[in-house]
Amino acid sequence: MRVLLVPNAANPRSIEATRAAAAWLAARGVSVVLEAGDAQAAGLPELGVPRADARTADLAVALGGDGTMLKAVHAIGTPDVPLLGINLGRLGFLSGAESEHMEQALEAALAGEARVERRSVLEAVVTAGGRHAGTFHALNEVHVGRAGGARAVELEVSVNGVRLWRFVCDGVVVATPTGSTAYALSAGGPIVSPEVRGSIVVPVAPHALGVRPVVVATSDVVEVGCPNPARADACVTVDGDEIPCRTNLERVTITSGSREASLLKVDGEGFFKVLADKLLER
């Protein structure tokens, strides 16, 4: 068994938990690895490996909040590697256990006793400067819009070739149900159970009165374009990480990808219990 540990290098609690998890796993004969940069940050340089090597793990463990979970999803890059989240952050929507139950959670994951939740992932194909600029995958969301400090952009949003809107705005978020409690929620989108198959399209600060969030099916194709060169200073952000804007963005085509993320749950709490306890006011 080979386990990849993914810490939040900026969180001292995460670093401490990572070192404790590494020692606990090693004492049980489990091979432990971290990406090279994370290994240095955790003071475990001897466990560092390149990202390509990290993707050969049998299990990934994220020690932090939801941001660390997203980091881990992108680090492993495949649904074949299940991911256990140990919550050391504020909300922990994606985590499978709280920090005080870390050893019990690790034991359950190693024994194959954790519940597996399959989460849909978006695929975004970016066209810029007249050429294909990359294909990216998102567990939470894809945002197309202005970068920090830039002025509002003009976007055109179509679904299956039918134009829905053309407006000046801060941007558009296309989110999975998993991501409905993140940026999309802050922009006025609905909370969607992760059991629902589909995506939500949420305008961000539109300069228009008749624009509302839309829920689309997994088979639908969402296109976000920049039809006005004078207001085309848009960038693409995938799960909070901005893709460098080297040339004018032309179009982003977003679909429900063939990939899924496999999240492990050992705390027995369902989505609505977590939602009620951590986000909704009661």
Protein backbone atom coordinates (compact mmCIF):
# COMPACT_ATOMS: atom_id res chain seq x y z
CA MET A 1 0.00 0.00 0.00
CA ARG A 2 1.31 3.42 -1.01
CA VAL A 3 -0.28 6.55 0.48
CA LEU A 4 0.12 10.11 -0.81
CA LEU A 5 -0.19 12.80 1.88
CA VAL A 6 -1.28 16.27 0.74
CA PRO A 7 -0.89 19.03 3.36
CA ASN A 8 -1.70 22.72 3.40
CA ALA A 9 1.83 24.07 3.63
CA ALA A 10 0.59 27.41 5.00
CA ASN A 11 -1.26 25.81 7.94
CA PRO A 12 0.93 24.77 10.92
CA ARG A 13 -1.81 22.40 12.15
CA SER A 14 -1.79 20.69 8.78
CA ILE A 15 1.98 20.29 8.82
CA GLU A 16 1.83 18.82 12.32
CA ALA A 17 -0.96 16.43 11.31
CA THR A 18 0.94 15.41 8.18
CA ARG A 19 4.01 14.48 10.19
CA ALA A 20 1.84 12.53 12.65
CA ALA A 21 0.03 10.71 9.83
CA ALA A 22 3.33 9.84 8.13
CA ALA A 23 4.69 8.35 11.35
CA TRP A 24 1.47 6.45 12.06
CA LEU A 25 1.37 4.96 8.57
CA ALA A 26 5.08 4.08 8.50
CA ALA A 27 4.73 2.26 11.82
CA ARG A 28 2.19 -0.01 10.12
CA GLY A 29 4.41 -0.78 7.15
CA VAL A 30 2.68 1.60 4.74
CA SER A 31 4.79 3.41 2.14
CA VAL A 32 4.26 7.18 2.46
CA VAL A 33 5.05 9.81 -0.19
CA LEU A 34 4.49 13.55 -0.65
CA GLU A 35 5.05 15.77 -3.64
CA ALA A 36 8.55 17.20 -3.41
CA GLY A 37 7.49 20.73 -2.44
CA ASP A 38 5.07 19.48 0.20
CA ALA A 39 7.71 17.14 1.61
CA GLN A 40 10.11 20.05 2.07
CA ALA A 41 7.42 22.17 3.73
CA ALA A 42 6.55 19.34 6.11
CA GLY A 43 10.17 18.70 7.04
CA LEU A 44 10.04 15.26 5.42
CA PRO A 45 12.30 15.69 2.38
CA GLU A 46 13.14 11.98 2.29
CA LEU A 47 9.49 11.25 1.37
CA GLY A 48 9.35 13.67 -1.56
CA VAL A 49 8.63 12.43 -5.09
CA PRO A 50 7.78 14.11 -8.43
CA ARG A 51 4.07 14.64 -9.19
CA ALA A 52 4.07 11.91 -11.84
CA ASP A 53 5.32 9.46 -9.23
CA ALA A 54 2.81 10.68 -6.65
CA ARG A 55 -0.01 9.70 -9.00
CA THR A 56 0.89 6.04 -8.60
CA ALA A 57 -0.38 6.02 -5.00
CA ASP A 58 -3.13 3.63 -3.90
CA LEU A 59 -4.71 6.19 -1.56
CA ALA A 60 -4.44 9.96 -1.12
CA VAL A 61 -5.01 11.77 2.17
CA ALA A 62 -5.58 15.53 2.24
CA LEU A 63 -4.88 17.21 5.58
CA GLY A 64 -6.50 20.63 5.57
CA GLY A 65 -9.71 22.26 4.41
CA ASP A 66 -11.65 22.15 1.17
CA GLY A 67 -8.86 23.99 -0.65
CA THR A 68 -6.45 21.22 0.27
CA MET A 69 -8.96 18.67 -0.98
CA LEU A 70 -9.07 20.45 -4.35
CA LYS A 71 -5.27 20.52 -4.41
CA ALA A 72 -5.24 16.76 -3.78
CA VAL A 73 -7.80 16.05 -6.51
CA HIS A 74 -5.59 17.82 -9.04
CA ALA A 75 -2.47 16.15 -7.68
CA ILE A 76 -3.76 12.61 -8.20
CA GLY A 77 -5.56 13.42 -11.47
CA THR A 78 -7.46 10.12 -11.67
CA PRO A 79 -10.60 8.58 -10.14
CA ASP A 80 -8.71 5.34 -9.59
CA VAL A 81 -7.04 6.84 -6.50
CA PRO A 82 -9.55 7.35 -3.65
CA LEU A 83 -9.14 10.50 -1.58
CA LEU A 84 -9.69 10.84 2.17
CA GLY A 85 -9.93 14.34 3.62
CA ILE A 86 -9.00 15.07 7.23
CA ASN A 87 -10.62 18.40 8.06
CA LEU A 88 -8.28 21.00 9.50
CA GLY A 89 -10.04 23.94 7.89
CA ARG A 90 -13.18 26.00 8.50
CA LEU A 91 -15.99 24.13 6.74
CA GLY A 92 -14.73 20.80 5.46
CA PHE A 93 -17.59 20.06 3.04
CA LEU A 94 -15.41 17.64 1.10
CA SER A 95 -13.63 16.01 4.03
CA GLY A 96 -14.41 12.52 5.23
CA ALA A 97 -13.40 12.92 8.88
CA GLU A 98 -12.52 15.52 11.48
CA SER A 99 -8.96 15.92 12.71
CA GLU A 100 -9.62 14.41 16.14
CA HIS A 101 -10.57 11.14 14.44
CA MET A 102 -7.59 11.02 12.06
CA GLU A 103 -6.14 7.67 13.14
CA GLN A 104 -9.53 5.93 13.09
CA ALA A 105 -10.21 7.39 9.65
CA LEU A 106 -6.84 6.25 8.31
CA GLU A 107 -7.42 2.78 9.69
CA ALA A 108 -10.87 2.56 8.07
CA ALA A 109 -9.52 3.77 4.73
CA LEU A 110 -6.66 1.27 4.74
CA ALA A 111 -9.07 -1.55 5.59
CA GLY A 112 -11.44 -0.62 2.76
CA GLU A 113 -14.25 0.20 5.19
CA ALA A 114 -14.84 3.81 4.11
CA ARG A 115 -17.85 4.81 2.01
CA VAL A 116 -16.96 5.97 -1.52
CA GLU A 117 -18.71 9.01 -2.99
CA ARG A 118 -18.30 9.59 -6.71
CA ARG A 119 -18.26 13.28 -7.60
CA SER A 120 -18.63 14.63 -11.14
CA VAL A 121 -15.85 16.72 -12.68
CA LEU A 122 -16.11 19.44 -15.34
CA GLU A 123 -13.93 19.55 -18.44
CA ALA A 124 -13.07 23.00 -19.84
CA VAL A 125 -11.53 23.42 -23.29
CA VAL A 126 -9.97 26.87 -23.70
CA THR A 127 -9.45 28.62 -27.03
CA ALA A 128 -7.29 31.75 -27.06
CA GLY A 129 -5.35 33.59 -29.72
CA GLY A 130 -6.88 31.43 -32.44
CA ARG A 131 -5.61 28.17 -31.00
CA HIS A 132 -6.32 25.49 -28.44
CA ALA A 133 -4.89 26.79 -25.15
CA GLY A 134 -5.47 23.76 -22.95
CA THR A 135 -7.98 21.34 -21.44
CA PHE A 136 -8.61 21.58 -17.72
CA HIS A 137 -10.68 19.69 -15.14
CA ALA A 138 -12.56 21.08 -12.16
CA LEU A 139 -14.18 19.41 -9.18
CA ASN A 140 -15.79 22.66 -7.99
CA GLU A 141 -16.06 25.21 -10.76
CA VAL A 142 -14.77 27.00 -13.82
CA HIS A 143 -14.93 30.79 -13.70
CA VAL A 144 -14.60 32.92 -16.81
CA GLY A 145 -14.33 36.63 -16.11
CA ARG A 146 -12.19 39.54 -15.17
CA ALA A 147 -9.03 39.15 -13.16
CA GLY A 148 -8.28 41.22 -10.10
CA GLY A 149 -8.25 44.94 -10.81
CA ALA A 150 -9.43 44.64 -14.41
CA ARG A 151 -12.61 46.22 -15.67
CA ALA A 152 -15.81 44.30 -16.34
CA VAL A 153 -15.89 42.00 -19.36
CA GLU A 154 -18.55 41.32 -21.97
CA LEU A 155 -19.45 37.64 -22.25
CA GLU A 156 -21.77 35.57 -24.38
CA VAL A 157 -23.14 32.37 -22.83
CA SER A 158 -24.67 29.58 -24.92
CA VAL A 159 -26.01 26.12 -24.09
CA ASN A 160 -26.06 23.54 -26.89
CA GLY A 161 -25.49 26.31 -29.41
CA VAL A 162 -28.42 28.46 -28.19
CA ARG A 163 -27.39 31.86 -26.90
CA LEU A 164 -28.79 32.60 -23.44
CA TRP A 165 -27.10 35.89 -22.58
CA ARG A 166 -24.76 38.53 -23.85
CA PHE A 167 -23.92 40.98 -21.12
CA VAL A 168 -21.32 43.03 -19.30
CA CYS A 169 -20.42 41.37 -15.99
CA ASP A 170 -17.65 40.33 -13.64
CA GLY A 171 -17.85 36.81 -15.00
CA VAL A 172 -19.71 33.52 -15.19
CA VAL A 173 -19.29 30.48 -12.93
CA VAL A 174 -20.05 26.99 -14.20
CA ALA A 175 -20.11 24.70 -11.18
CA THR A 176 -20.65 21.05 -10.34
CA PRO A 177 -23.09 20.14 -7.56
CA THR A 178 -20.00 19.70 -5.37
CA GLY A 179 -19.01 23.28 -6.16
CA SER A 180 -22.49 24.69 -5.56
CA THR A 181 -21.51 25.49 -1.96
CA ALA A 182 -18.39 27.42 -3.02
CA TYR A 183 -18.00 30.40 -5.40
CA ALA A 184 -21.32 29.72 -7.13
CA LEU A 185 -23.17 30.08 -3.82
CA SER A 186 -21.50 33.42 -3.11
CA ALA A 187 -22.59 34.60 -6.57
CA GLY A 188 -26.24 33.77 -5.85
CA GLY A 189 -26.49 30.21 -7.13
CA PRO A 190 -28.51 27.40 -5.53
CA ILE A 191 -27.21 24.72 -3.20
CA VAL A 192 -27.33 21.41 -5.07
CA SER A 193 -26.99 17.93 -3.61
CA PRO A 194 -23.90 16.09 -4.93
CA GLU A 195 -26.25 13.23 -5.86
CA VAL A 196 -27.72 15.43 -8.62
CA ARG A 197 -26.17 14.95 -12.06
CA GLY A 198 -25.76 18.24 -13.86
CA SER A 199 -24.11 21.65 -13.57
CA ILE A 200 -25.16 25.18 -12.68
CA VAL A 201 -24.38 28.32 -14.66
CA VAL A 202 -24.22 31.39 -12.43
CA PRO A 203 -23.58 34.95 -13.69
CA VAL A 204 -21.36 37.05 -11.43
CA ALA A 205 -22.45 40.69 -10.97
CA PRO A 206 -24.24 40.96 -14.35
CA HIS A 207 -25.13 44.43 -15.57
CA ALA A 208 -28.57 43.16 -16.54
CA LEU A 209 -31.85 42.63 -14.68
CA GLY A 210 -33.20 39.52 -16.39
CA VAL A 211 -30.28 37.16 -15.79
CA ARG A 212 -30.71 34.22 -13.42
CA PRO A 213 -28.74 31.04 -12.63
CA VAL A 214 -29.53 28.04 -14.84
CA VAL A 215 -29.19 24.31 -14.12
CA VAL A 216 -28.07 22.21 -17.09
CA ALA A 217 -27.85 18.46 -17.66
CA THR A 218 -24.68 16.40 -17.88
CA SER A 219 -25.17 16.08 -21.62
CA ASP A 220 -25.41 19.84 -22.19
CA VAL A 221 -22.52 21.86 -23.59
CA VAL A 222 -21.92 25.32 -22.12
CA GLU A 223 -19.91 27.83 -24.13
CA VAL A 224 -18.65 31.13 -22.77
CA GLY A 225 -17.24 33.49 -25.37
CA CYS A 226 -15.82 37.01 -25.56
CA PRO A 227 -17.66 38.59 -28.51
CA ASN A 228 -16.44 42.17 -27.97
CA PRO A 229 -12.68 42.66 -28.41
CA ALA A 230 -12.92 45.93 -26.45
CA ARG A 231 -14.11 44.01 -23.39
CA ALA A 232 -12.32 40.72 -23.82
CA ASP A 233 -9.82 40.98 -20.95
CA ALA A 234 -11.12 37.78 -19.42
CA CYS A 235 -9.24 34.98 -17.68
CA VAL A 236 -10.16 31.43 -16.76
CA THR A 237 -9.95 30.16 -13.19
CA VAL A 238 -10.26 26.44 -12.42
CA ASP A 239 -10.97 25.45 -8.82
CA GLY A 240 -9.50 28.74 -7.62
CA ASP A 241 -6.32 28.56 -9.71
CA GLU A 242 -6.08 31.12 -12.49
CA ILE A 243 -4.79 30.00 -15.87
CA PRO A 244 -2.20 32.48 -17.19
CA CYS A 245 -3.75 34.94 -19.68
CA ARG A 246 -1.11 35.28 -22.37
CA THR A 247 -3.43 36.07 -25.29
CA ASN A 248 -7.00 37.27 -25.71
CA LEU A 249 -9.49 34.68 -24.59
CA GLU A 250 -11.96 33.66 -27.28
CA ARG A 251 -14.03 30.78 -25.96
CA VAL A 252 -14.32 28.26 -23.14
CA THR A 253 -16.32 25.09 -23.82
CA ILE A 254 -17.44 23.34 -20.65
CA THR A 255 -18.92 19.86 -20.37
CA SER A 256 -19.38 17.20 -17.71
CA GLY A 257 -16.15 15.29 -18.10
CA SER A 258 -15.65 11.56 -18.23
CA ARG A 259 -13.60 11.71 -15.05
CA GLU A 260 -14.96 11.46 -11.53
CA ALA A 261 -13.40 12.03 -8.13
CA SER A 262 -13.64 9.29 -5.53
CA LEU A 263 -14.04 10.80 -2.06
CA LEU A 264 -13.90 8.60 1.03
CA LYS A 265 -16.28 9.21 3.94
CA VAL A 266 -15.81 7.57 7.32
CA ASP A 267 -17.67 9.96 9.65
CA GLY A 268 -21.14 8.74 8.64
CA GLU A 269 -22.40 12.28 8.04
CA GLY A 270 -24.37 12.91 4.86
CA PHE A 271 -24.40 16.07 2.76
CA PHE A 272 -27.41 17.66 4.42
CA LYS A 273 -26.08 17.01 7.94
CA VAL A 274 -22.84 18.77 7.03
CA LEU A 275 -24.81 21.54 5.32
CA ALA A 276 -27.03 22.09 8.36
CA ASP A 277 -24.17 21.99 10.86
CA LYS A 278 -21.61 24.09 9.01
CA LEU A 279 -23.34 26.51 6.67
CA LEU A 280 -27.05 27.06 7.32
CA GLU A 281 -28.17 29.35 10.12
CA ARG A 282 -30.56 27.64 12.51
